[in-house]
Amino acid sequence: QVQLVESGGGLVQAGGSLRLSCAASGSIFRFNAMGWYRQAPGKQRELVAAITSSGSTIYADSVKGRFTISRDNAKNTVYLQMNSLNSEDTAVYYCAAEPRGALIATIKSGGMEYWGKGTLVTVSS
């Protein structure tokens, strides 16, 4: 049973920073890709950033240059460093993992097998 547990969400002022963590039960080496998605009120879930087992990264255009995804294999944890936050970043952020090979299109569409329960990020203006 794979468990993904997100942490690090909270309330932050516009322009501030937060770092989200996603701790996996067991080794993250088994995951071909891991990603962060978000869903704002009244909106569809969208990919924020993803990282493959080889270290390749994918970012949504809206977060490029502001967010950084990274993984610490020794700690079985994936991080999302979020800088220069604005109100548009307010959402529930979910961690996800895919153990099999995944096309970029699949990752972008959220076709990941395992999901965390999410952590709320609220950016006040």
Foldseek 3Di string as FASTA:
>chain_A
DKAWAKDWADEAAAQAKIKMKIAIDDFLLLFQKKFKWWDDPPGDIWTAKMAGSVGDMDGDPVQPPFWDWDDDRVRNMIMIIGGRDDQVPWTWMKMFTARDDDDPVCVGVPVGDDIHPTDTHGYHD
